[in-house]
Amino acid sequence: MRIYDVTLPLTADLPVWPGDPPIHIQRIAKMEEGALANVTALDFGAHVGTHVDAPYHFLGGSAATIEQLNLKLLTGRAYVLHLPDEVDLITAAVLKGIEFPARLRRVLFRTRNSREWGRLPAPFKEDFVALSADGAEYLIERGVKLVGVDYLSVAPFSEPAPTHQTLLRAGVVIVEGLDLSQVPQGRYTLYGLPIKLAGSDGAPARAILIGA
């Protein structure tokens, strides 16, 4: 059995979405300075590093918040799919040219984005590989219930709403910011549970893949 930790370490070196607060982690009590115990304070947005989007993120209203997600969708068999470096946008046409496993329910896309996590600290990249709205529709037609990506958004930087809305309206769970750089293509068991932040539009998660 092989366990892959596909979670990005939360540090100030990680890029964040433009306009979001930077990651700030500070020890506010230090034993070496006489404190009884070490205590750390955290200050960052809900969509940093490896994280899960809730429907409320892009649908608003009465859409589900992060603590209302069905955890069964976040645990179970998943397929890591490697895409060639020349793929700039994961469209329906790209996906139709790929042979998927039967009864695919959870797919994690490893693209050239994954190399970015070995180059930290790094600025935010606007030209990351993402999923188009028609690509999202194709995955829904195939019965996919979870989509994972290896950068901070499943959707293109220039047009973030359509892909998110298409997936979330169909009940598809979105996991963003995965580090798939060391994961071979193939089948795994995914465990990707977000922090239980009441009423939140998203939350950081610890995600692992277990392979044979």
N, C-alpha and C. Protein backbone atom coordinates (compact mmCIF):
# COMPACT_ATOMS: atom_id res chain seq x y z
N MET A 1 0.85 -1.20 0.00
CA MET A 1 0.00 0.00 0.00
C MET A 1 0.88 1.24 0.00
N ARG A 2 0.55 2.21 -0.83
CA ARG A 2 1.30 3.46 -0.93
C ARG A 2 0.36 4.63 -0.63
N ILE A 3 0.79 5.51 0.27
CA ILE A 3 0.00 6.69 0.61
C ILE A 3 0.68 7.92 0.02
N TYR A 4 -0.07 8.69 -0.74
CA TYR A 4 0.41 9.96 -1.29
C TYR A 4 -0.31 11.09 -0.58
N ASP A 5 0.46 11.94 0.07
CA ASP A 5 -0.12 13.15 0.66
C ASP A 5 -0.16 14.21 -0.44
N VAL A 6 -1.33 14.53 -0.92
CA VAL A 6 -1.46 15.46 -2.04
C VAL A 6 -1.92 16.84 -1.56
N THR A 7 -1.65 17.12 -0.28
CA THR A 7 -2.01 18.40 0.33
C THR A 7 -0.82 19.35 0.28
N LEU A 8 -1.08 20.59 -0.09
CA LEU A 8 -0.03 21.60 -0.06
C LEU A 8 0.19 22.07 1.37
N PRO A 9 1.45 22.15 1.83
CA PRO A 9 1.70 22.71 3.16
C PRO A 9 1.30 24.19 3.19
N LEU A 10 0.56 24.58 4.21
CA LEU A 10 0.14 25.97 4.32
C LEU A 10 1.30 26.80 4.88
N THR A 11 1.90 27.60 4.02
CA THR A 11 2.98 28.49 4.42
C THR A 11 2.79 29.81 3.68
N ALA A 12 3.51 30.83 4.11
CA ALA A 12 3.45 32.13 3.45
C ALA A 12 4.02 32.07 2.03
N ASP A 13 4.69 30.97 1.68
CA ASP A 13 5.27 30.83 0.34
C ASP A 13 4.22 30.51 -0.73
N LEU A 14 3.05 30.04 -0.31
CA LEU A 14 2.02 29.67 -1.29
C LEU A 14 1.40 30.91 -1.92
N PRO A 15 1.14 30.87 -3.23
CA PRO A 15 0.37 31.96 -3.83
C PRO A 15 -1.09 31.89 -3.38
N VAL A 16 -1.76 33.02 -3.39
CA VAL A 16 -3.20 33.06 -3.10
C VAL A 16 -3.90 33.76 -4.25
N TRP A 17 -5.19 33.54 -4.35
CA TRP A 17 -5.98 34.19 -5.40
C TRP A 17 -5.89 35.70 -5.24
N PRO A 18 -5.69 36.44 -6.33
CA PRO A 18 -5.57 37.90 -6.23
C PRO A 18 -6.76 38.52 -5.49
N GLY A 19 -6.45 39.34 -4.50
CA GLY A 19 -7.48 39.97 -3.70
C GLY A 19 -7.75 39.26 -2.39
N ASP A 20 -7.38 37.97 -2.30
CA ASP A 20 -7.54 37.24 -1.04
C ASP A 20 -6.42 37.63 -0.08
N PRO A 21 -6.66 37.49 1.22
CA PRO A 21 -5.60 37.83 2.19
C PRO A 21 -4.45 36.83 2.09
N PRO A 22 -3.24 37.28 2.35
CA PRO A 22 -2.10 36.36 2.34
C PRO A 22 -2.18 35.39 3.51
N ILE A 23 -1.45 34.30 3.40
CA ILE A 23 -1.39 33.32 4.49
C ILE A 23 -0.46 33.86 5.57
N HIS A 24 -0.99 33.97 6.77
CA HIS A 24 -0.20 34.48 7.88
C HIS A 24 -0.33 33.50 9.05
N ILE A 25 0.79 32.87 9.41
CA ILE A 25 0.83 31.90 10.50
C ILE A 25 1.88 32.39 11.50
N GLN A 26 1.44 32.58 12.73
CA GLN A 26 2.33 33.17 13.73
C GLN A 26 2.23 32.44 15.05
N ARG A 27 3.37 32.16 15.64
CA ARG A 27 3.37 31.60 16.99
C ARG A 27 3.21 32.75 17.98
N ILE A 28 2.11 32.75 18.70
CA ILE A 28 1.82 33.86 19.61
C ILE A 28 2.23 33.55 21.06
N ALA A 29 2.58 32.29 21.32
CA ALA A 29 3.16 31.93 22.61
C ALA A 29 4.32 30.98 22.34
N LYS A 30 5.45 31.24 22.95
CA LYS A 30 6.67 30.48 22.67
C LYS A 30 7.27 29.98 23.98
N MET A 31 7.50 28.67 24.03
CA MET A 31 8.08 28.08 25.23
C MET A 31 9.49 28.61 25.49
N GLU A 32 10.23 28.89 24.41
CA GLU A 32 11.59 29.40 24.60
C GLU A 32 11.62 30.80 25.18
N GLU A 33 10.43 31.45 25.17
CA GLU A 33 10.33 32.77 25.77
C GLU A 33 9.58 32.73 27.11
N GLY A 34 9.39 31.51 27.63
CA GLY A 34 8.80 31.37 28.96
C GLY A 34 7.36 30.94 28.99
N ALA A 35 6.71 30.78 27.85
CA ALA A 35 5.31 30.35 27.83
C ALA A 35 5.18 28.90 28.26
N LEU A 36 4.02 28.56 28.80
CA LEU A 36 3.77 27.20 29.23
C LEU A 36 3.72 26.23 28.06
N ALA A 37 3.23 26.72 26.90
CA ALA A 37 3.10 25.88 25.70
C ALA A 37 3.26 26.76 24.47
N ASN A 38 3.58 26.14 23.35
CA ASN A 38 3.61 26.85 22.08
C ASN A 38 2.19 26.95 21.53
N VAL A 39 1.80 28.15 21.07
CA VAL A 39 0.47 28.38 20.52
C VAL A 39 0.60 29.16 19.22
N THR A 40 -0.12 28.70 18.19
CA THR A 40 -0.04 29.31 16.87
C THR A 40 -1.37 29.96 16.50
N ALA A 41 -1.29 31.14 15.89
CA ALA A 41 -2.47 31.84 15.38
C ALA A 41 -2.47 31.76 13.86
N LEU A 42 -3.65 31.57 13.29
CA LEU A 42 -3.81 31.42 11.85
C LEU A 42 -4.65 32.57 11.29
N ASP A 43 -4.24 33.09 10.14
CA ASP A 43 -4.97 34.18 9.49
C ASP A 43 -4.87 33.99 7.99
N PHE A 44 -5.94 33.50 7.37
CA PHE A 44 -5.97 33.32 5.92
C PHE A 44 -7.40 33.08 5.47
N GLY A 45 -7.62 33.14 4.16
CA GLY A 45 -8.94 32.91 3.60
C GLY A 45 -9.29 31.43 3.54
N ALA A 46 -10.53 31.17 3.19
CA ALA A 46 -11.02 29.79 3.16
C ALA A 46 -10.55 29.02 1.93
N HIS A 47 -10.04 29.72 0.92
CA HIS A 47 -9.69 29.08 -0.35
C HIS A 47 -8.18 29.11 -0.59
N VAL A 48 -7.42 28.73 0.43
CA VAL A 48 -5.97 28.70 0.31
C VAL A 48 -5.48 27.26 0.18
N GLY A 49 -4.34 27.10 -0.48
CA GLY A 49 -3.75 25.78 -0.59
C GLY A 49 -4.73 24.75 -1.10
N THR A 50 -4.65 23.55 -0.55
CA THR A 50 -5.58 22.48 -0.90
C THR A 50 -6.89 22.74 -0.17
N HIS A 51 -7.96 22.89 -0.93
CA HIS A 51 -9.23 23.26 -0.31
C HIS A 51 -10.42 22.73 -1.11
N VAL A 52 -11.58 22.76 -0.49
CA VAL A 52 -12.83 22.30 -1.11
C VAL A 52 -13.77 23.49 -1.24
N ASP A 53 -14.40 23.60 -2.40
CA ASP A 53 -15.42 24.62 -2.63
C ASP A 53 -16.80 24.08 -2.27
N ALA A 54 -17.57 24.86 -1.56
CA ALA A 54 -18.97 24.52 -1.30
C ALA A 54 -19.85 25.18 -2.37
N PRO A 55 -21.03 24.64 -2.65
CA PRO A 55 -21.93 25.27 -3.61
C PRO A 55 -22.20 26.75 -3.30
N TYR A 56 -22.25 27.10 -2.03
CA TYR A 56 -22.51 28.49 -1.64
C TYR A 56 -21.47 29.46 -2.21
N HIS A 57 -20.29 28.97 -2.52
CA HIS A 57 -19.20 29.80 -3.04
C HIS A 57 -19.61 30.56 -4.30
N PHE A 58 -20.30 29.86 -5.22
CA PHE A 58 -20.67 30.50 -6.48
C PHE A 58 -22.18 30.52 -6.74
N LEU A 59 -22.95 29.88 -5.88
CA LEU A 59 -24.40 29.86 -6.10
C LEU A 59 -25.14 30.74 -5.10
N GLY A 60 -24.56 30.94 -3.91
CA GLY A 60 -25.18 31.82 -2.92
C GLY A 60 -26.54 31.31 -2.46
N GLY A 61 -27.34 32.23 -1.93
CA GLY A 61 -28.70 31.88 -1.50
C GLY A 61 -28.72 30.77 -0.48
N SER A 62 -29.53 29.75 -0.76
CA SER A 62 -29.67 28.63 0.16
C SER A 62 -28.79 27.45 -0.21
N ALA A 63 -27.82 27.66 -1.11
CA ALA A 63 -26.93 26.58 -1.51
C ALA A 63 -26.13 26.08 -0.31
N ALA A 64 -25.70 24.83 -0.38
CA ALA A 64 -25.00 24.19 0.74
C ALA A 64 -23.69 24.88 1.07
N THR A 65 -23.42 25.00 2.35
CA THR A 65 -22.13 25.48 2.83
C THR A 65 -21.25 24.28 3.16
N ILE A 66 -20.01 24.55 3.51
CA ILE A 66 -19.01 23.48 3.52
C ILE A 66 -19.34 22.35 4.48
N GLU A 67 -19.94 22.67 5.63
CA GLU A 67 -20.21 21.62 6.62
C GLU A 67 -21.41 20.75 6.21
N GLN A 68 -22.11 21.16 5.14
CA GLN A 68 -23.28 20.41 4.68
C GLN A 68 -22.95 19.45 3.53
N LEU A 69 -21.70 19.42 3.09
CA LEU A 69 -21.34 18.54 1.99
C LEU A 69 -21.45 17.08 2.40
N ASN A 70 -21.79 16.25 1.43
CA ASN A 70 -21.87 14.80 1.63
C ASN A 70 -20.45 14.23 1.64
N LEU A 71 -20.01 13.78 2.81
CA LEU A 71 -18.63 13.30 2.93
C LEU A 71 -18.39 12.02 2.13
N LYS A 72 -19.45 11.33 1.74
CA LYS A 72 -19.27 10.14 0.90
C LYS A 72 -18.65 10.52 -0.45
N LEU A 73 -18.96 11.72 -0.92
CA LEU A 73 -18.39 12.15 -2.20
C LEU A 73 -16.91 12.46 -2.08
N LEU A 74 -16.46 12.79 -0.89
CA LEU A 74 -15.07 13.17 -0.66
C LEU A 74 -14.20 11.99 -0.25
N THR A 75 -14.77 10.81 -0.19
CA THR A 75 -14.02 9.60 0.13
C THR A 75 -14.44 8.50 -0.84
N GLY A 76 -13.45 7.80 -1.37
CA GLY A 76 -13.79 6.70 -2.27
C GLY A 76 -12.84 6.60 -3.45
N ARG A 77 -13.19 5.74 -4.37
CA ARG A 77 -12.32 5.47 -5.52
C ARG A 77 -12.20 6.71 -6.41
N ALA A 78 -10.97 6.99 -6.82
CA ALA A 78 -10.70 8.15 -7.67
C ALA A 78 -9.68 7.75 -8.73
N TYR A 79 -9.67 8.53 -9.80
CA TYR A 79 -8.71 8.28 -10.89
C TYR A 79 -7.89 9.53 -11.12
N VAL A 80 -6.56 9.37 -11.06
CA VAL A 80 -5.65 10.48 -11.38
C VAL A 80 -5.33 10.39 -12.87
N LEU A 81 -5.65 11.46 -13.57
CA LEU A 81 -5.46 11.51 -15.02
C LEU A 81 -4.37 12.51 -15.37
N HIS A 82 -3.32 12.03 -16.04
CA HIS A 82 -2.25 12.92 -16.50
C HIS A 82 -2.62 13.50 -17.86
N LEU A 83 -2.50 14.80 -17.98
CA LEU A 83 -2.75 15.46 -19.25
C LEU A 83 -1.44 16.00 -19.82
N PRO A 84 -1.27 15.97 -21.13
CA PRO A 84 -0.03 16.46 -21.74
C PRO A 84 0.20 17.94 -21.45
N ASP A 85 1.47 18.35 -21.47
CA ASP A 85 1.81 19.75 -21.18
C ASP A 85 1.19 20.72 -22.17
N GLU A 86 0.90 20.26 -23.37
CA GLU A 86 0.37 21.18 -24.37
C GLU A 86 -1.11 21.51 -24.15
N VAL A 87 -1.76 20.83 -23.23
CA VAL A 87 -3.16 21.14 -22.92
C VAL A 87 -3.21 22.42 -22.09
N ASP A 88 -3.80 23.47 -22.65
CA ASP A 88 -3.94 24.75 -21.95
C ASP A 88 -5.30 24.89 -21.26
N LEU A 89 -6.30 24.21 -21.80
CA LEU A 89 -7.66 24.28 -21.28
C LEU A 89 -8.30 22.90 -21.44
N ILE A 90 -8.88 22.38 -20.36
CA ILE A 90 -9.48 21.05 -20.40
C ILE A 90 -10.92 21.19 -20.91
N THR A 91 -11.08 21.05 -22.19
CA THR A 91 -12.38 21.22 -22.85
C THR A 91 -13.05 19.87 -23.07
N ALA A 92 -14.29 19.91 -23.50
CA ALA A 92 -15.00 18.69 -23.84
C ALA A 92 -14.27 17.95 -24.96
N ALA A 93 -13.74 18.69 -25.94
CA ALA A 93 -13.03 18.05 -27.04
C ALA A 93 -11.80 17.30 -26.55
N VAL A 94 -11.07 17.91 -25.61
CA VAL A 94 -9.90 17.23 -25.03
C VAL A 94 -10.33 15.96 -24.31
N LEU A 95 -11.39 16.05 -23.51
CA LEU A 95 -11.83 14.91 -22.72
C LEU A 95 -12.39 13.78 -23.58
N LYS A 96 -13.02 14.13 -24.69
CA LYS A 96 -13.57 13.10 -25.57
C LYS A 96 -12.47 12.29 -26.24
N GLY A 97 -11.26 12.82 -26.28
CA GLY A 97 -10.13 12.10 -26.87
C GLY A 97 -9.40 11.22 -25.87
N ILE A 98 -9.93 11.10 -24.66
CA ILE A 98 -9.28 10.32 -23.59
C ILE A 98 -10.14 9.12 -23.25
N GLU A 99 -9.49 7.99 -23.04
CA GLU A 99 -10.21 6.78 -22.63
C GLU A 99 -10.30 6.76 -21.10
N PHE A 100 -11.49 6.98 -20.58
CA PHE A 100 -11.71 7.00 -19.13
C PHE A 100 -12.07 5.60 -18.64
N PRO A 101 -11.76 5.32 -17.36
CA PRO A 101 -12.24 4.06 -16.77
C PRO A 101 -13.77 4.05 -16.72
N ALA A 102 -14.34 2.87 -16.74
CA ALA A 102 -15.80 2.74 -16.62
C ALA A 102 -16.25 3.18 -15.24
N ARG A 103 -17.45 3.72 -15.16
CA ARG A 103 -18.06 4.15 -13.91
C ARG A 103 -17.18 5.12 -13.12
N LEU A 104 -16.56 6.03 -13.83
CA LEU A 104 -15.71 7.04 -13.20
C LEU A 104 -16.57 8.01 -12.39
N ARG A 105 -16.26 8.17 -11.11
CA ARG A 105 -17.03 9.07 -10.25
C ARG A 105 -16.19 10.22 -9.70
N ARG A 106 -14.90 9.98 -9.55
CA ARG A 106 -14.01 11.03 -9.03
C ARG A 106 -12.79 11.09 -9.91
N VAL A 107 -12.49 12.26 -10.46
CA VAL A 107 -11.32 12.41 -11.34
C VAL A 107 -10.47 13.58 -10.86
N LEU A 108 -9.17 13.34 -10.79
CA LEU A 108 -8.20 14.35 -10.39
C LEU A 108 -7.27 14.59 -11.57
N PHE A 109 -7.18 15.84 -12.00
CA PHE A 109 -6.39 16.18 -13.19
C PHE A 109 -4.98 16.63 -12.80
N ARG A 110 -4.00 15.89 -13.29
CA ARG A 110 -2.61 16.32 -13.13
C ARG A 110 -2.15 16.94 -14.45
N THR A 111 -1.80 18.20 -14.41
CA THR A 111 -1.38 18.95 -15.59
C THR A 111 0.01 19.54 -15.33
N ARG A 112 0.44 20.39 -16.23
CA ARG A 112 1.73 21.06 -16.01
C ARG A 112 1.69 21.98 -14.79
N ASN A 113 0.49 22.28 -14.30
CA ASN A 113 0.38 23.07 -13.06
C ASN A 113 1.17 22.45 -11.92
N SER A 114 1.20 21.12 -11.87
CA SER A 114 1.79 20.44 -10.71
C SER A 114 3.26 20.80 -10.51
N ARG A 115 3.94 21.19 -11.57
CA ARG A 115 5.35 21.56 -11.42
C ARG A 115 5.52 22.83 -10.60
N GLU A 116 4.48 23.65 -10.53
CA GLU A 116 4.58 24.91 -9.79
C GLU A 116 4.84 24.70 -8.31
N TRP A 117 4.37 23.58 -7.77
CA TRP A 117 4.50 23.37 -6.33
C TRP A 117 5.91 23.01 -5.91
N GLY A 118 6.78 22.74 -6.88
CA GLY A 118 8.19 22.53 -6.57
C GLY A 118 9.03 23.77 -6.73
N ARG A 119 8.37 24.91 -6.99
CA ARG A 119 9.08 26.18 -7.26
C ARG A 119 8.72 27.27 -6.27
N LEU A 120 8.33 26.89 -5.08
CA LEU A 120 7.92 27.88 -4.09
C LEU A 120 9.14 28.51 -3.42
N PRO A 121 9.02 29.80 -3.01
CA PRO A 121 7.85 30.68 -3.16
C PRO A 121 7.64 31.08 -4.61
N ALA A 122 6.39 31.33 -4.96
CA ALA A 122 6.06 31.65 -6.34
C ALA A 122 4.89 32.61 -6.37
N PRO A 123 4.85 33.51 -7.35
CA PRO A 123 3.69 34.39 -7.51
C PRO A 123 2.51 33.63 -8.09
N PHE A 124 1.33 34.19 -7.97
CA PHE A 124 0.14 33.61 -8.58
C PHE A 124 0.26 33.62 -10.09
N LYS A 125 -0.11 32.51 -10.74
CA LYS A 125 -0.06 32.40 -12.20
C LYS A 125 -1.47 32.51 -12.76
N GLU A 126 -1.67 33.44 -13.67
CA GLU A 126 -2.99 33.60 -14.28
C GLU A 126 -3.23 32.61 -15.42
N ASP A 127 -2.16 32.04 -15.98
CA ASP A 127 -2.31 31.16 -17.14
C ASP A 127 -2.30 29.68 -16.77
N PHE A 128 -2.81 29.36 -15.58
CA PHE A 128 -2.86 27.96 -15.16
C PHE A 128 -3.84 27.17 -16.03
N VAL A 129 -3.61 25.87 -16.09
CA VAL A 129 -4.51 24.97 -16.83
C VAL A 129 -5.78 24.77 -16.01
N ALA A 130 -6.93 24.91 -16.66
CA ALA A 130 -8.21 24.82 -15.94
C ALA A 130 -9.23 24.07 -16.80
N LEU A 131 -10.40 23.88 -16.23
CA LEU A 131 -11.49 23.16 -16.88
C LEU A 131 -12.48 24.16 -17.46
N SER A 132 -12.85 23.99 -18.72
CA SER A 132 -13.84 24.86 -19.34
C SER A 132 -15.25 24.46 -18.92
N ALA A 133 -16.21 25.34 -19.18
CA ALA A 133 -17.60 25.03 -18.83
C ALA A 133 -18.12 23.84 -19.63
N ASP A 134 -17.75 23.74 -20.90
CA ASP A 134 -18.23 22.59 -21.68
C ASP A 134 -17.52 21.31 -21.25
N GLY A 135 -16.28 21.43 -20.76
CA GLY A 135 -15.60 20.28 -20.18
C GLY A 135 -16.31 19.81 -18.92
N ALA A 136 -16.76 20.76 -18.12
CA ALA A 136 -17.52 20.43 -16.91
C ALA A 136 -18.81 19.71 -17.28
N GLU A 137 -19.51 20.18 -18.29
CA GLU A 137 -20.75 19.54 -18.72
C GLU A 137 -20.50 18.11 -19.18
N TYR A 138 -19.39 17.91 -19.88
CA TYR A 138 -19.06 16.56 -20.35
C TYR A 138 -18.82 15.61 -19.18
N LEU A 139 -18.10 16.08 -18.16
CA LEU A 139 -17.85 15.24 -16.99
C LEU A 139 -19.15 14.90 -16.26
N ILE A 140 -20.05 15.86 -16.18
CA ILE A 140 -21.35 15.61 -15.55
C ILE A 140 -22.11 14.54 -16.32
N GLU A 141 -22.07 14.63 -17.65
CA GLU A 141 -22.74 13.62 -18.48
C GLU A 141 -22.15 12.23 -18.26
N ARG A 142 -20.86 12.18 -17.94
CA ARG A 142 -20.19 10.90 -17.68
C ARG A 142 -20.48 10.37 -16.27
N GLY A 143 -21.17 11.16 -15.44
CA GLY A 143 -21.51 10.71 -14.10
C GLY A 143 -20.49 11.06 -13.04
N VAL A 144 -19.55 11.95 -13.37
CA VAL A 144 -18.53 12.36 -12.39
C VAL A 144 -19.18 13.16 -11.27
N LYS A 145 -18.76 12.88 -10.02
CA LYS A 145 -19.32 13.56 -8.85
C LYS A 145 -18.27 14.35 -8.07
N LEU A 146 -17.01 14.21 -8.42
CA LEU A 146 -15.94 14.99 -7.78
C LEU A 146 -14.87 15.29 -8.82
N VAL A 147 -14.44 16.55 -8.86
CA VAL A 147 -13.37 16.98 -9.75
C VAL A 147 -12.28 17.63 -8.91
N GLY A 148 -11.06 17.15 -9.08
CA GLY A 148 -9.92 17.74 -8.39
C GLY A 148 -8.92 18.30 -9.40
N VAL A 149 -8.32 19.43 -9.05
CA VAL A 149 -7.36 20.08 -9.95
C VAL A 149 -6.10 20.46 -9.19
N ASP A 150 -5.02 20.68 -9.94
CA ASP A 150 -3.72 20.91 -9.33
C ASP A 150 -3.31 22.39 -9.34
N TYR A 151 -4.28 23.29 -9.36
CA TYR A 151 -4.00 24.70 -9.09
C TYR A 151 -5.15 25.24 -8.25
N LEU A 152 -5.16 26.54 -8.01
CA LEU A 152 -6.06 27.11 -7.02
C LEU A 152 -7.48 27.32 -7.49
N SER A 153 -7.76 27.01 -8.75
CA SER A 153 -9.13 27.13 -9.25
C SER A 153 -9.39 26.08 -10.31
N VAL A 154 -10.60 25.53 -10.31
CA VAL A 154 -10.99 24.59 -11.35
C VAL A 154 -11.29 25.31 -12.65
N ALA A 155 -11.56 26.61 -12.57
CA ALA A 155 -11.98 27.40 -13.73
C ALA A 155 -10.88 28.36 -14.18
N PRO A 156 -10.93 28.78 -15.44
CA PRO A 156 -9.92 29.73 -15.92
C PRO A 156 -9.97 31.05 -15.16
N PHE A 157 -8.81 31.68 -15.02
CA PHE A 157 -8.72 32.94 -14.29
C PHE A 157 -9.61 34.01 -14.92
N SER A 158 -9.68 34.03 -16.24
CA SER A 158 -10.41 35.09 -16.94
C SER A 158 -11.92 34.91 -16.87
N GLU A 159 -12.38 33.70 -16.54
CA GLU A 159 -13.82 33.43 -16.54
C GLU A 159 -14.13 32.37 -15.48
N PRO A 160 -14.07 32.74 -14.20
CA PRO A 160 -14.20 31.73 -13.14
C PRO A 160 -15.61 31.21 -12.90
N ALA A 161 -16.64 32.00 -13.22
CA ALA A 161 -17.99 31.61 -12.80
C ALA A 161 -18.59 30.42 -13.55
N PRO A 162 -18.57 30.37 -14.90
CA PRO A 162 -19.33 29.32 -15.59
C PRO A 162 -18.95 27.89 -15.19
N THR A 163 -17.66 27.59 -15.12
CA THR A 163 -17.26 26.23 -14.77
C THR A 163 -17.69 25.88 -13.35
N HIS A 164 -17.43 26.79 -12.41
CA HIS A 164 -17.86 26.55 -11.02
C HIS A 164 -19.37 26.33 -10.94
N GLN A 165 -20.13 27.20 -11.55
CA GLN A 165 -21.59 27.12 -11.46
C GLN A 165 -22.11 25.84 -12.09
N THR A 166 -21.54 25.45 -13.22
CA THR A 166 -21.98 24.22 -13.89
C THR A 166 -21.77 23.01 -12.99
N LEU A 167 -20.60 22.90 -12.39
CA LEU A 167 -20.30 21.76 -11.53
C LEU A 167 -21.13 21.79 -10.25
N LEU A 168 -21.17 22.93 -9.59
CA LEU A 168 -21.83 23.01 -8.29
C LEU A 168 -23.34 22.82 -8.41
N ARG A 169 -23.94 23.33 -9.47
CA ARG A 169 -25.39 23.13 -9.66
C ARG A 169 -25.73 21.66 -9.86
N ALA A 170 -24.77 20.90 -10.40
CA ALA A 170 -24.99 19.47 -10.65
C ALA A 170 -24.61 18.62 -9.44
N GLY A 171 -24.23 19.25 -8.34
CA GLY A 171 -23.87 18.51 -7.15
C GLY A 171 -22.48 17.92 -7.17
N VAL A 172 -21.63 18.43 -8.06
CA VAL A 172 -20.25 17.93 -8.15
C VAL A 172 -19.38 18.66 -7.14
N VAL A 173 -18.62 17.90 -6.37
CA VAL A 173 -17.70 18.48 -5.39
C VAL A 173 -16.42 18.92 -6.09
N ILE A 174 -15.90 20.09 -5.72
CA ILE A 174 -14.69 20.64 -6.32
C ILE A 174 -13.58 20.67 -5.27
N VAL A 175 -12.45 20.04 -5.61
CA VAL A 175 -11.26 20.08 -4.77
C VAL A 175 -10.17 20.77 -5.56
N GLU A 176 -9.62 21.83 -5.00
CA GLU A 176 -8.64 22.64 -5.70
C GLU A 176 -7.32 22.67 -4.92
N GLY A 177 -6.23 22.98 -5.64
CA GLY A 177 -4.93 23.11 -4.99
C GLY A 177 -4.31 21.79 -4.59
N LEU A 178 -4.54 20.74 -5.34
CA LEU A 178 -3.91 19.45 -5.07
C LEU A 178 -2.48 19.43 -5.58
N ASP A 179 -1.60 18.77 -4.85
CA ASP A 179 -0.23 18.55 -5.32
C ASP A 179 -0.14 17.12 -5.83
N LEU A 180 -0.27 16.98 -7.15
CA LEU A 180 -0.25 15.66 -7.78
C LEU A 180 1.08 15.37 -8.46
N SER A 181 2.10 16.16 -8.14
CA SER A 181 3.37 16.10 -8.86
C SER A 181 4.06 14.74 -8.75
N GLN A 182 3.81 14.01 -7.67
CA GLN A 182 4.49 12.72 -7.46
C GLN A 182 3.57 11.53 -7.65
N VAL A 183 2.39 11.77 -8.17
CA VAL A 183 1.38 10.70 -8.24
C VAL A 183 1.28 10.14 -9.66
N PRO A 184 1.58 8.86 -9.86
CA PRO A 184 1.40 8.25 -11.17
C PRO A 184 -0.07 8.21 -11.58
N GLN A 185 -0.29 8.15 -12.87
CA GLN A 185 -1.67 8.00 -13.35
C GLN A 185 -2.22 6.67 -12.88
N GLY A 186 -3.50 6.67 -12.51
CA GLY A 186 -4.12 5.41 -12.13
C GLY A 186 -5.22 5.55 -11.10
N ARG A 187 -5.63 4.41 -10.57
CA ARG A 187 -6.73 4.35 -9.61
C ARG A 187 -6.21 4.44 -8.18
N TYR A 188 -6.96 5.14 -7.35
CA TYR A 188 -6.60 5.31 -5.94
C TYR A 188 -7.88 5.38 -5.11
N THR A 189 -7.68 5.38 -3.80
CA THR A 189 -8.76 5.73 -2.88
C THR A 189 -8.45 7.11 -2.33
N LEU A 190 -9.41 8.01 -2.48
CA LEU A 190 -9.24 9.40 -2.05
C LEU A 190 -9.89 9.62 -0.69
N TYR A 191 -9.17 10.33 0.17
CA TYR A 191 -9.75 10.88 1.40
C TYR A 191 -9.40 12.37 1.39
N GLY A 192 -10.41 13.22 1.27
CA GLY A 192 -10.17 14.66 1.17
C GLY A 192 -11.19 15.44 1.96
N LEU A 193 -10.99 15.57 3.26
CA LEU A 193 -12.00 16.14 4.13
C LEU A 193 -11.69 17.59 4.50
N PRO A 194 -12.64 18.49 4.23
CA PRO A 194 -12.43 19.90 4.57
C PRO A 194 -12.67 20.16 6.05
N ILE A 195 -12.04 21.21 6.56
CA ILE A 195 -12.31 21.67 7.91
C ILE A 195 -13.79 22.02 8.01
N LYS A 196 -14.41 21.70 9.13
CA LYS A 196 -15.85 21.90 9.31
C LYS A 196 -16.11 23.34 9.78
N LEU A 197 -16.06 24.28 8.82
CA LEU A 197 -16.29 25.69 9.11
C LEU A 197 -17.76 26.00 8.89
N ALA A 198 -18.49 26.23 9.94
CA ALA A 198 -19.94 26.44 9.83
C ALA A 198 -20.27 27.65 8.96
N GLY A 199 -21.13 27.45 7.97
CA GLY A 199 -21.60 28.53 7.13
C GLY A 199 -20.62 29.04 6.09
N SER A 200 -19.52 28.31 5.89
CA SER A 200 -18.47 28.81 5.00
C SER A 200 -18.67 28.37 3.55
N ASP A 201 -18.15 29.17 2.62
CA ASP A 201 -18.19 28.87 1.20
C ASP A 201 -17.08 27.92 0.76
N GLY A 202 -16.18 27.59 1.65
CA GLY A 202 -15.09 26.67 1.36
C GLY A 202 -14.27 26.45 2.60
N ALA A 203 -13.27 25.56 2.48
CA ALA A 203 -12.41 25.30 3.63
C ALA A 203 -11.16 24.55 3.19
N PRO A 204 -10.04 24.83 3.82
CA PRO A 204 -8.84 24.01 3.58
C PRO A 204 -9.12 22.56 3.93
N ALA A 205 -8.38 21.66 3.26
CA ALA A 205 -8.60 20.23 3.45
C ALA A 205 -7.26 19.50 3.53
N ARG A 206 -7.29 18.34 4.18
CA ARG A 206 -6.15 17.41 4.11
C ARG A 206 -6.57 16.31 3.17
N ALA A 207 -5.80 16.11 2.10
CA ALA A 207 -6.16 15.14 1.09
C ALA A 207 -5.04 14.11 0.91
N ILE A 208 -5.42 12.85 0.92
CA ILE A 208 -4.46 11.78 0.64
C ILE A 208 -5.05 10.83 -0.39
N LEU A 209 -4.14 10.15 -1.10
CA LEU A 209 -4.52 9.10 -2.03
C LEU A 209 -3.83 7.83 -1.59
N ILE A 210 -4.56 6.73 -1.58
CA ILE A 210 -4.00 5.43 -1.22
C ILE A 210 -4.05 4.54 -2.44
N GLY A 211 -2.87 4.04 -2.82
CA GLY A 211 -2.76 3.16 -3.97
C GLY A 211 -2.33 1.76 -3.55
N ALA A 212 -2.43 0.85 -4.48
CA ALA A 212 -2.06 -0.55 -4.17
C ALA A 212 -0.56 -0.66 -3.96
